[in-house]
Protein backbone atom coordinates (compact mmCIF):
# COMPACT_ATOMS: atom_id res chain seq x y z
CA MET A 1 -25.71 12.10 20.59
CA ILE A 2 -25.59 8.31 20.55
CA PRO A 3 -25.64 7.96 16.72
CA ASP A 4 -22.74 10.45 16.49
CA PHE A 5 -20.75 8.28 18.89
CA PHE A 6 -21.31 5.18 16.74
CA GLN A 7 -20.56 6.96 13.46
CA SER A 8 -17.28 8.54 14.58
CA PRO A 9 -15.13 5.36 14.81
CA GLU A 10 -16.02 4.20 11.28
CA PRO A 11 -13.99 6.79 9.31
CA VAL A 12 -10.98 6.12 11.56
CA ILE A 13 -11.19 2.40 10.76
CA HIS A 14 -11.57 3.10 7.04
CA ILE A 15 -8.61 5.52 7.05
CA GLY A 16 -6.45 2.93 8.82
CA LEU A 17 -7.58 0.24 6.38
CA TRP A 18 -6.85 2.43 3.36
CA LYS A 19 -3.42 3.34 4.74
CA SER A 20 -2.63 -0.37 5.14
CA ILE A 21 -3.84 -1.19 1.62
CA VAL A 22 -1.95 1.73 0.06
CA GLY A 23 1.18 0.77 1.99
CA LEU A 24 1.00 -2.83 0.79
CA VAL A 25 0.44 -1.70 -2.82
CA ILE A 26 3.46 0.64 -2.62
CA VAL A 27 5.65 -2.13 -1.18
CA LEU A 28 4.54 -4.65 -3.81
CA PHE A 29 5.01 -2.09 -6.61
CA ALA A 30 8.49 -1.14 -5.33
CA THR A 31 9.45 -4.82 -5.07
CA PHE A 32 8.21 -5.49 -8.62
CA VAL A 33 10.08 -2.47 -10.00
CA GLY A 34 13.23 -3.52 -8.13
CA VAL A 35 13.07 -7.02 -9.61
CA GLU A 36 12.47 -5.61 -13.11
CA VAL A 37 15.47 -3.25 -12.75
CA ARG A 38 17.63 -6.13 -11.51
CA ILE A 39 16.61 -8.33 -14.46
CA GLY A 40 17.23 -5.43 -16.87
CA ASN A 41 20.74 -4.85 -15.46
CA GLU A 42 21.57 -8.57 -15.75
CA ASP A 43 20.42 -8.58 -19.39
CA ASP A 44 22.63 -5.55 -20.16
CA GLU A 45 25.72 -7.24 -18.65
CA HIS A 46 25.45 -10.40 -20.79
């Protein structure tokens, strides 16, 4: 019973950590794509 108690919090921590990492990657990727689109639009206007 005791080992089950100690093992149960670990997956929750890993899931929370992975959600944070995936969220940061998505934000950084979206920011990068947004900057690239902005630069591309400026190049088309000139």
